[in-house]
Amino acid sequence: MAPTVLITGASQGSGKATAILFASKGYDVVMVARQPERLAAAAAQVQREGTSAVAIPGDVGDIQQVRAIVQKALDACGNIDVLVNNAGICLTGGS
């Protein structure tokens, strides 16, 4: 059984790059992000590395969604060996 990594903010940028890196090292990848379309595209890219990629849309700013995300990840993969808590936002403007 391959180790499993759960990555938040995984649909683009450093989260997606981290998912691809873990996949290239043989990890099964659980990817979480708020935008389902981007997340699905990123998961398809990770799957091309030859490992499992599970896409779970959700907002880690909502504790109820976090609980559901973890349960879905455990149901899909059986375990979570590594957590990369990468989700974040960038606010610009204002003073």
PDB file of N, CA and C in Angstrom:
ATOM      1  N   MET A   1       0.846  -1.182   0.000  1.00  0.00           N
ATOM      2  CA  MET A   1       0.000   0.000   0.000  1.00  0.00           C
ATOM      3  C   MET A   1       0.889   1.242   0.000  1.00  0.00           C
ATOM      4  N   ALA A   2       0.626   2.142  -0.924  1.00  0.00           N
ATOM      5  CA  ALA A   2       1.398   3.380  -1.021  1.00  0.00           C
ATOM      6  C   ALA A   2       1.018   4.320   0.119  1.00  0.00           C
ATOM      7  N   PRO A   3       1.959   5.146   0.573  1.00  0.00           N
ATOM      8  CA  PRO A   3       1.603   6.163   1.559  1.00  0.00           C
ATOM      9  C   PRO A   3       0.682   7.200   0.914  1.00  0.00           C
ATOM     10  N   THR A   4      -0.084   7.870   1.752  1.00  0.00           N
ATOM     11  CA  THR A   4      -1.064   8.848   1.273  1.00  0.00           C
ATOM     12  C   THR A   4      -0.752  10.221   1.829  1.00  0.00           C
ATOM     13  N   VAL A   5      -0.821  11.224   0.972  1.00  0.00           N
ATOM     14  CA  VAL A   5      -0.675  12.618   1.382  1.00  0.00           C
ATOM     15  C   VAL A   5      -1.986  13.337   1.088  1.00  0.00           C
ATOM     16  N   LEU A   6      -2.425  14.173   2.024  1.00  0.00           N
ATOM     17  CA  LEU A   6      -3.583  15.040   1.831  1.00  0.00           C
ATOM     18  C   LEU A   6      -3.049  16.461   1.716  1.00  0.00           C
ATOM     19  N   ILE A   7      -3.395  17.131   0.627  1.00  0.00           N
ATOM     20  CA  ILE A   7      -2.900  18.479   0.366  1.00  0.00           C
ATOM     21  C   ILE A   7      -4.081  19.417   0.202  1.00  0.00           C
ATOM     22  N   THR A   8      -4.118  20.481   1.000  1.00  0.00           N
ATOM     23  CA  THR A   8      -5.150  21.503   0.853  1.00  0.00           C
ATOM     24  C   THR A   8      -4.627  22.589  -0.089  1.00  0.00           C
ATOM     25  N   GLY A   9      -5.541  23.309  -0.701  1.00  0.00           N
ATOM     26  CA  GLY A   9      -5.134  24.329  -1.663  1.00  0.00           C
ATOM     27  C   GLY A   9      -4.416  23.714  -2.850  1.00  0.00           C
ATOM     28  N   ALA A  10      -4.907  22.554  -3.291  1.00  0.00           N
ATOM     29  CA  ALA A  10      -4.167  21.730  -4.250  1.00  0.00           C
ATOM     30  C   ALA A  10      -4.548  21.945  -5.706  1.00  0.00           C
ATOM     31  N   SER A  11      -5.415  22.894  -6.018  1.00  0.00           N
ATOM     32  CA  SER A  11      -5.876  23.028  -7.401  1.00  0.00           C
ATOM     33  C   SER A  11      -4.939  23.835  -8.287  1.00  0.00           C
ATOM     34  N   GLN A  12      -4.029  24.588  -7.691  1.00  0.00           N
ATOM     35  CA  GLN A  12      -3.139  25.427  -8.492  1.00  0.00           C
ATOM     36  C   GLN A  12      -1.900  25.801  -7.687  1.00  0.00           C
ATOM     37  N   GLY A  13      -0.961  26.446  -8.330  1.00  0.00           N
ATOM     38  CA  GLY A  13       0.216  26.982  -7.660  1.00  0.00           C
ATOM     39  C   GLY A  13       1.034  25.955  -6.903  1.00  0.00           C
ATOM     40  N   SER A  14       1.495  26.356  -5.723  1.00  0.00           N
ATOM     41  CA  SER A  14       2.382  25.486  -4.936  1.00  0.00           C
ATOM     42  C   SER A  14       1.673  24.226  -4.453  1.00  0.00           C
ATOM     43  N   GLY A  15       0.371  24.286  -4.221  1.00  0.00           N
ATOM     44  CA  GLY A  15      -0.359  23.083  -3.811  1.00  0.00           C
ATOM     45  C   GLY A  15      -0.387  22.034  -4.902  1.00  0.00           C
ATOM     46  N   LYS A  16      -0.651  22.460  -6.132  1.00  0.00           N
ATOM     47  CA  LYS A  16      -0.657  21.535  -7.264  1.00  0.00           C
ATOM     48  C   LYS A  16       0.750  20.996  -7.512  1.00  0.00           C
ATOM     49  N   ALA A  17       1.746  21.857  -7.444  1.00  0.00           N
ATOM     50  CA  ALA A  17       3.131  21.415  -7.640  1.00  0.00           C
ATOM     51  C   ALA A  17       3.536  20.403  -6.575  1.00  0.00           C
ATOM     52  N   THR A  18       3.099  20.623  -5.346  1.00  0.00           N
ATOM     53  CA  THR A  18       3.394  19.686  -4.264  1.00  0.00           C
ATOM     54  C   THR A  18       2.723  18.344  -4.524  1.00  0.00           C
ATOM     55  N   ALA A  19       1.491  18.374  -5.008  1.00  0.00           N
ATOM     56  CA  ALA A  19       0.779  17.131  -5.333  1.00  0.00           C
ATOM     57  C   ALA A  19       1.518  16.346  -6.413  1.00  0.00           C
ATOM     58  N   ILE A  20       1.979  17.033  -7.439  1.00  0.00           N
ATOM     59  CA  ILE A  20       2.719  16.370  -8.519  1.00  0.00           C
ATOM     60  C   ILE A  20       4.020  15.786  -7.985  1.00  0.00           C
ATOM     61  N   LEU A  21       4.703  16.512  -7.120  1.00  0.00           N
ATOM     62  CA  LEU A  21       5.955  16.019  -6.537  1.00  0.00           C
ATOM     63  C   LEU A  21       5.719  14.753  -5.714  1.00  0.00           C
ATOM     64  N   PHE A  22       4.728  14.774  -4.832  1.00  0.00           N
ATOM     65  CA  PHE A  22       4.431  13.583  -4.025  1.00  0.00           C
ATOM     66  C   PHE A  22       4.039  12.409  -4.917  1.00  0.00           C
ATOM     67  N   ALA A  23       3.245  12.672  -5.951  1.00  0.00           N
ATOM     68  CA  ALA A  23       2.853  11.598  -6.869  1.00  0.00           C
ATOM     69  C   ALA A  23       4.076  10.999  -7.555  1.00  0.00           C
ATOM     70  N   SER A  24       5.024  11.842  -7.925  1.00  0.00           N
ATOM     71  CA  SER A  24       6.232  11.342  -8.594  1.00  0.00           C
ATOM     72  C   SER A  24       7.083  10.483  -7.668  1.00  0.00           C
ATOM     73  N   LYS A  25       6.871  10.624  -6.360  1.00  0.00           N
ATOM     74  CA  LYS A  25       7.590   9.822  -5.365  1.00  0.00           C
ATOM     75  C   LYS A  25       6.800   8.584  -4.946  1.00  0.00           C
ATOM     76  N   GLY A  26       5.645   8.350  -5.598  1.00  0.00           N
ATOM     77  CA  GLY A  26       4.879   7.135  -5.352  1.00  0.00           C
ATOM     78  C   GLY A  26       3.760   7.247  -4.337  1.00  0.00           C
ATOM     79  N   TYR A  27       3.457   8.448  -3.885  1.00  0.00           N
ATOM     80  CA  TYR A  27       2.368   8.645  -2.929  1.00  0.00           C
ATOM     81  C   TYR A  27       1.025   8.645  -3.640  1.00  0.00           C
ATOM     82  N   ASP A  28       0.004   8.121  -2.979  1.00  0.00           N
ATOM     83  CA  ASP A  28      -1.368   8.388  -3.376  1.00  0.00           C
ATOM     84  C   ASP A  28      -1.691   9.781  -2.851  1.00  0.00           C
ATOM     85  N   VAL A  29      -2.423  10.557  -3.624  1.00  0.00           N
ATOM     86  CA  VAL A  29      -2.623  11.966  -3.304  1.00  0.00           C
ATOM     87  C   VAL A  29      -4.111  12.265  -3.138  1.00  0.00           C
ATOM     88  N   VAL A  30      -4.453  12.894  -2.019  1.00  0.00           N
ATOM     89  CA  VAL A  30      -5.796  13.427  -1.804  1.00  0.00           C
ATOM     90  C   VAL A  30      -5.675  14.939  -1.937  1.00  0.00           C
ATOM     91  N   MET A  31      -6.410  15.491  -2.876  1.00  0.00           N
ATOM     92  CA  MET A  31      -6.314  16.910  -3.188  1.00  0.00           C
ATOM     93  C   MET A  31      -7.599  17.617  -2.776  1.00  0.00           C
ATOM     94  N   VAL A  32      -7.450  18.715  -2.038  1.00  0.00           N
ATOM     95  CA  VAL A  32      -8.594  19.473  -1.540  1.00  0.00           C
ATOM     96  C   VAL A  32      -8.462  20.918  -2.007  1.00  0.00           C
ATOM     97  N   ALA A  33      -9.558  21.478  -2.507  1.00  0.00           N
ATOM     98  CA  ALA A  33      -9.605  22.888  -2.894  1.00  0.00           C
ATOM     99  C   ALA A  33     -11.062  23.297  -3.049  1.00  0.00           C
ATOM    100  N   ARG A  34     -11.286  24.599  -3.102  1.00  0.00           N
ATOM    101  CA  ARG A  34     -12.650  25.115  -3.179  1.00  0.00           C
ATOM    102  C   ARG A  34     -13.235  25.119  -4.581  1.00  0.00           C
ATOM    103  N   GLN A  35     -12.412  25.100  -5.618  1.00  0.00           N
ATOM    104  CA  GLN A  35     -12.904  25.224  -6.991  1.00  0.00           C
ATOM    105  C   GLN A  35     -12.890  23.855  -7.679  1.00  0.00           C
ATOM    106  N   PRO A  36     -14.055  23.210  -7.770  1.00  0.00           N
ATOM    107  CA  PRO A  36     -14.115  21.837  -8.288  1.00  0.00           C
ATOM    108  C   PRO A  36     -13.527  21.645  -9.683  1.00  0.00           C
ATOM    109  N   GLU A  37     -13.734  22.599 -10.587  1.00  0.00           N
ATOM    110  CA  GLU A  37     -13.243  22.434 -11.957  1.00  0.00           C
ATOM    111  C   GLU A  37     -11.722  22.440 -11.990  1.00  0.00           C
ATOM    112  N   ARG A  38     -11.113  23.404 -11.325  1.00  0.00           N
ATOM    113  CA  ARG A  38      -9.645  23.458 -11.268  1.00  0.00           C
ATOM    114  C   ARG A  38      -9.092  22.235 -10.552  1.00  0.00           C
ATOM    115  N   LEU A  39      -9.768  21.826  -9.503  1.00  0.00           N
ATOM    116  CA  LEU A  39      -9.324  20.669  -8.729  1.00  0.00           C
ATOM    117  C   LEU A  39      -9.343  19.407  -9.585  1.00  0.00           C
ATOM    118  N   ALA A  40     -10.400  19.208 -10.353  1.00  0.00           N
ATOM    119  CA  ALA A  40     -10.494  18.028 -11.217  1.00  0.00           C
ATOM    120  C   ALA A  40      -9.382  18.025 -12.262  1.00  0.00           C
ATOM    121  N   ALA A  41      -9.093  19.181 -12.838  1.00  0.00           N
ATOM    122  CA  ALA A  41      -8.021  19.274 -13.834  1.00  0.00           C
ATOM    123  C   ALA A  41      -6.666  18.975 -13.201  1.00  0.00           C
ATOM    124  N   ALA A  42      -6.437  19.494 -12.005  1.00  0.00           N
ATOM    125  CA  ALA A  42      -5.172  19.237 -11.308  1.00  0.00           C
ATOM    126  C   ALA A  42      -5.045  17.763 -10.944  1.00  0.00           C
ATOM    127  N   ALA A  43      -6.135  17.145 -10.502  1.00  0.00           N
ATOM    128  CA  ALA A  43      -6.107  15.720 -10.146  1.00  0.00           C
ATOM    129  C   ALA A  43      -5.802  14.863 -11.368  1.00  0.00           C
ATOM    130  N   ALA A  44      -6.347  15.234 -12.519  1.00  0.00           N
ATOM    131  CA  ALA A  44      -6.054  14.492 -13.751  1.00  0.00           C
ATOM    132  C   ALA A  44      -4.573  14.579 -14.084  1.00  0.00           C
ATOM    133  N   GLN A  45      -3.979  15.742 -13.858  1.00  0.00           N
ATOM    134  CA  GLN A  45      -2.545  15.903 -14.107  1.00  0.00           C
ATOM    135  C   GLN A  45      -1.732  15.030 -13.153  1.00  0.00           C
ATOM    136  N   VAL A  46      -2.124  14.971 -11.902  1.00  0.00           N
ATOM    137  CA  VAL A  46      -1.426  14.139 -10.916  1.00  0.00           C
ATOM    138  C   VAL A  46      -1.547  12.662 -11.290  1.00  0.00           C
ATOM    139  N   GLN A  47      -2.714  12.246 -11.746  1.00  0.00           N
ATOM    140  CA  GLN A  47      -2.914  10.843 -12.123  1.00  0.00           C
ATOM    141  C   GLN A  47      -1.997  10.422 -13.261  1.00  0.00           C
ATOM    142  N   ARG A  48      -1.584  11.365 -14.087  1.00  0.00           N
ATOM    143  CA  ARG A  48      -0.650  11.040 -15.168  1.00  0.00           C
ATOM    144  C   ARG A  48       0.719  10.628 -14.628  1.00  0.00           C
ATOM    145  N   GLU A  49       0.984  10.907 -13.350  1.00  0.00           N
ATOM    146  CA  GLU A  49       2.225  10.447 -12.715  1.00  0.00           C
ATOM    147  C   GLU A  49       2.136   8.962 -12.366  1.00  0.00           C
ATOM    148  N   GLY A  50       0.938   8.375 -12.527  1.00  0.00           N
ATOM    149  CA  GLY A  50       0.779   6.941 -12.310  1.00  0.00           C
ATOM    150  C   GLY A  50       0.322   6.547 -10.921  1.00  0.00           C
ATOM    151  N   THR A  51      -0.124   7.506 -10.128  1.00  0.00           N
ATOM    152  CA  THR A  51      -0.623   7.189  -8.791  1.00  0.00           C
ATOM    153  C   THR A  51      -2.085   7.596  -8.676  1.00  0.00           C
ATOM    154  N   SER A  52      -2.679   7.221  -7.570  1.00  0.00           N
ATOM    155  CA  SER A  52      -4.061   7.582  -7.298  1.00  0.00           C
ATOM    156  C   SER A  52      -4.138   9.053  -6.901  1.00  0.00           C
ATOM    157  N   ALA A  53      -5.130   9.748  -7.430  1.00  0.00           N
ATOM    158  CA  ALA A  53      -5.399  11.125  -7.024  1.00  0.00           C
ATOM    159  C   ALA A  53      -6.892  11.246  -6.769  1.00  0.00           C
ATOM    160  N   VAL A  54      -7.243  11.581  -5.555  1.00  0.00           N
ATOM    161  CA  VAL A  54      -8.637  11.760  -5.161  1.00  0.00           C
ATOM    162  C   VAL A  54      -8.880  13.252  -4.990  1.00  0.00           C
ATOM    163  N   ALA A  55      -9.852  13.793  -5.705  1.00  0.00           N
ATOM    164  CA  ALA A  55     -10.192  15.210  -5.613  1.00  0.00           C
ATOM    165  C   ALA A  55     -11.406  15.372  -4.708  1.00  0.00           C
ATOM    166  N   ILE A  56     -11.248  16.183  -3.661  1.00  0.00           N
ATOM    167  CA  ILE A  56     -12.346  16.435  -2.732  1.00  0.00           C
ATOM    168  C   ILE A  56     -12.558  17.947  -2.646  1.00  0.00           C
ATOM    169  N   PRO A  57     -13.602  18.461  -3.292  1.00  0.00           N
ATOM    170  CA  PRO A  57     -13.879  19.889  -3.173  1.00  0.00           C
ATOM    171  C   PRO A  57     -14.303  20.229  -1.746  1.00  0.00           C
ATOM    172  N   GLY A  58     -13.814  21.348  -1.254  1.00  0.00           N
ATOM    173  CA  GLY A  58     -14.211  21.774   0.083  1.00  0.00           C
ATOM    174  C   GLY A  58     -13.455  23.001   0.536  1.00  0.00           C
ATOM    175  N   ASP A  59     -13.983  23.614   1.579  1.00  0.00           N
ATOM    176  CA  ASP A  59     -13.417  24.828   2.164  1.00  0.00           C
ATOM    177  C   ASP A  59     -12.883  24.491   3.551  1.00  0.00           C
ATOM    178  N   VAL A  60     -11.569  24.529   3.718  1.00  0.00           N
ATOM    179  CA  VAL A  60     -10.982  24.173   5.012  1.00  0.00           C
ATOM    180  C   VAL A  60     -11.173  25.263   6.063  1.00  0.00           C
ATOM    181  N   GLY A  61     -11.819  26.351   5.694  1.00  0.00           N
ATOM    182  CA  GLY A  61     -12.193  27.372   6.662  1.00  0.00           C
ATOM    183  C   GLY A  61     -13.476  27.033   7.405  1.00  0.00           C
ATOM    184  N   ASP A  62     -14.115  25.942   7.035  1.00  0.00           N
ATOM    185  CA  ASP A  62     -15.377  25.498   7.637  1.00  0.00           C
ATOM    186  C   ASP A  62     -15.140  24.146   8.312  1.00  0.00           C
ATOM    187  N   ILE A  63     -15.205  24.100   9.633  1.00  0.00           N
ATOM    188  CA  ILE A  63     -14.862  22.891  10.387  1.00  0.00           C
ATOM    189  C   ILE A  63     -15.733  21.699  10.002  1.00  0.00           C
ATOM    190  N   GLN A  64     -16.996  21.929   9.692  1.00  0.00           N
ATOM    191  CA  GLN A  64     -17.857  20.818   9.271  1.00  0.00           C
ATOM    192  C   GLN A  64     -17.363  20.222   7.955  1.00  0.00           C
ATOM    193  N   GLN A  65     -16.936  21.085   7.039  1.00  0.00           N
ATOM    194  CA  GLN A  65     -16.391  20.588   5.777  1.00  0.00           C
ATOM    195  C   GLN A  65     -15.072  19.853   6.005  1.00  0.00           C
ATOM    196  N   VAL A  66     -14.263  20.341   6.934  1.00  0.00           N
ATOM    197  CA  VAL A  66     -12.996  19.660   7.244  1.00  0.00           C
ATOM    198  C   VAL A  66     -13.267  18.242   7.722  1.00  0.00           C
ATOM    199  N   ARG A  67     -14.225  18.087   8.606  1.00  0.00           N
ATOM    200  CA  ARG A  67     -14.570  16.742   9.094  1.00  0.00           C
ATOM    201  C   ARG A  67     -15.006  15.836   7.944  1.00  0.00           C
ATOM    202  N   ALA A  68     -15.830  16.371   7.056  1.00  0.00           N
ATOM    203  CA  ALA A  68     -16.300  15.585   5.912  1.00  0.00           C
ATOM    204  C   ALA A  68     -15.152  15.255   4.960  1.00  0.00           C
ATOM    205  N   ILE A  69     -14.250  16.197   4.747  1.00  0.00           N
ATOM    206  CA  ILE A  69     -13.087  15.975   3.877  1.00  0.00           C
ATOM    207  C   ILE A  69     -12.230  14.839   4.420  1.00  0.00           C
ATOM    208  N   VAL A  70     -11.935  14.888   5.707  1.00  0.00           N
ATOM    209  CA  VAL A  70     -11.101  13.843   6.318  1.00  0.00           C
ATOM    210  C   VAL A  70     -11.781  12.485   6.192  1.00  0.00           C
ATOM    211  N   GLN A  71     -13.082  12.428   6.448  1.00  0.00           N
ATOM    212  CA  GLN A  71     -13.790  11.151   6.342  1.00  0.00           C
ATOM    213  C   GLN A  71     -13.764  10.621   4.911  1.00  0.00           C
ATOM    214  N   LYS A  72     -13.984  11.501   3.932  1.00  0.00           N
ATOM    215  CA  LYS A  72     -13.932  11.074   2.528  1.00  0.00           C
ATOM    216  C   LYS A  72     -12.538  10.573   2.161  1.00  0.00           C
ATOM    217  N   ALA A  73     -11.509  11.244   2.660  1.00  0.00           N
ATOM    218  CA  ALA A  73     -10.131  10.817   2.386  1.00  0.00           C
ATOM    219  C   ALA A  73      -9.864   9.446   2.990  1.00  0.00           C
ATOM    220  N   LEU A  74     -10.296   9.244   4.221  1.00  0.00           N
ATOM    221  CA  LEU A  74     -10.101   7.945   4.869  1.00  0.00           C
ATOM    222  C   LEU A  74     -10.894   6.853   4.164  1.00  0.00           C
ATOM    223  N   ASP A  75     -12.108   7.166   3.739  1.00  0.00           N
ATOM    224  CA  ASP A  75     -12.914   6.186   3.003  1.00  0.00           C
ATOM    225  C   ASP A  75     -12.237   5.797   1.690  1.00  0.00           C
ATOM    226  N   ALA A  76     -11.626   6.762   1.024  1.00  0.00           N
ATOM    227  CA  ALA A  76     -11.013   6.511  -0.279  1.00  0.00           C
ATOM    228  C   ALA A  76      -9.660   5.818  -0.176  1.00  0.00           C
ATOM    229  N   CYS A  77      -8.881   6.166   0.847  1.00  0.00           N
ATOM    230  CA  CYS A  77      -7.481   5.711   0.902  1.00  0.00           C
ATOM    231  C   CYS A  77      -7.141   4.849   2.110  1.00  0.00           C
ATOM    232  N   GLY A  78      -7.978   4.867   3.118  1.00  0.00           N
ATOM    233  CA  GLY A  78      -7.721   4.046   4.299  1.00  0.00           C
ATOM    234  C   GLY A  78      -6.875   4.706   5.363  1.00  0.00           C
ATOM    235  N   ASN A  79      -6.014   5.629   4.964  1.00  0.00           N
ATOM    236  CA  ASN A  79      -5.152   6.315   5.926  1.00  0.00           C
ATOM    237  C   ASN A  79      -4.641   7.620   5.319  1.00  0.00           C
ATOM    238  N   ILE A  80      -4.129   8.483   6.180  1.00  0.00           N
ATOM    239  CA  ILE A  80      -3.448   9.710   5.763  1.00  0.00           C
ATOM    240  C   ILE A  80      -2.104   9.708   6.477  1.00  0.00           C
ATOM    241  N   ASP A  81      -1.023   9.657   5.706  1.00  0.00           N
ATOM    242  CA  ASP A  81       0.313   9.613   6.293  1.00  0.00           C
ATOM    243  C   ASP A  81       0.944  10.991   6.422  1.00  0.00           C
ATOM    244  N   VAL A  82       0.605  11.888   5.499  1.00  0.00           N
ATOM    245  CA  VAL A  82       1.208  13.223   5.471  1.00  0.00           C
ATOM    246  C   VAL A  82       0.104  14.239   5.204  1.00  0.00           C
ATOM    247  N   LEU A  83       0.158  15.368   5.917  1.00  0.00           N
ATOM    248  CA  LEU A  83      -0.750  16.486   5.674  1.00  0.00           C
ATOM    249  C   LEU A  83       0.073  17.689   5.238  1.00  0.00           C
ATOM    250  N   VAL A  84      -0.294  18.270   4.100  1.00  0.00           N
ATOM    251  CA  VAL A  84       0.292  19.533   3.657  1.00  0.00           C
ATOM    252  C   VAL A  84      -0.839  20.552   3.674  1.00  0.00           C
ATOM    253  N   ASN A  85      -0.828  21.413   4.687  1.00  0.00           N
ATOM    254  CA  ASN A  85      -1.888  22.400   4.862  1.00  0.00           C
ATOM    255  C   ASN A  85      -1.480  23.675   4.131  1.00  0.00           C
ATOM    256  N   ASN A  86      -1.753  23.696   2.845  1.00  0.00           N
ATOM    257  CA  ASN A  86      -1.277  24.739   1.948  1.00  0.00           C
ATOM    258  C   ASN A  86      -2.338  25.794   1.627  1.00  0.00           C
ATOM    259  N   ALA A  87      -3.591  25.553   1.957  1.00  0.00           N
ATOM    260  CA  ALA A  87      -4.671  26.467   1.569  1.00  0.00           C
ATOM    261  C   ALA A  87      -4.437  27.852   2.153  1.00  0.00           C
ATOM    262  N   GLY A  88      -4.732  28.843   1.343  1.00  0.00           N
ATOM    263  CA  GLY A  88      -4.602  30.222   1.796  1.00  0.00           C
ATOM    264  C   GLY A  88      -5.205  31.149   0.765  1.00  0.00           C
ATOM    265  N   ILE A  89      -5.298  32.405   1.124  1.00  0.00           N
ATOM    266  CA  ILE A  89      -5.801  33.407   0.195  1.00  0.00           C
ATOM    267  C   ILE A  89      -4.853  34.594   0.208  1.00  0.00           C
ATOM    268  N   CYS A  90      -4.900  35.344  -0.852  1.00  0.00           N
ATOM    269  CA  CYS A  90      -4.086  36.551  -0.960  1.00  0.00           C
ATOM    270  C   CYS A  90      -5.036  37.729  -1.118  1.00  0.00           C
ATOM    271  N   LEU A  91      -5.009  38.614  -0.174  1.00  0.00           N
ATOM    272  CA  LEU A  91      -5.849  39.804  -0.238  1.00  0.00           C
ATOM    273  C   LEU A  91      -4.989  40.980  -0.662  1.00  0.00           C
ATOM    274  N   THR A  92      -5.490  41.766  -1.604  1.00  0.00           N
ATOM    275  CA  THR A  92      -4.753  42.937  -2.058  1.00  0.00           C
ATOM    276  C   THR A  92      -5.655  44.150  -1.996  1.00  0.00           C
ATOM    277  N   GLY A  93      -5.044  45.302  -2.050  1.00  0.00           N
ATOM    278  CA  GLY A  93      -5.796  46.540  -2.050  1.00  0.00           C
ATOM    279  C   GLY A  93      -6.071  47.040  -0.646  1.00  0.00           C
ATOM    280  N   GLY A  94      -6.744  48.141  -0.574  1.00  0.00           N
ATOM    281  CA  GLY A  94      -7.053  48.724   0.725  1.00  0.00           C
ATOM    282  C   GLY A  94      -5.815  49.286   1.400  1.00  0.00           C
ATOM    283  N   SER A  95      -6.009  49.823   2.590  1.00  0.00           N
ATOM    284  CA  SER A  95      -4.848  50.361   3.298  1.00  0.00           C
ATOM    285  C   SER A  95      -4.745  49.832   4.691  1.00  0.00           C
TER     286      SER A  95
END
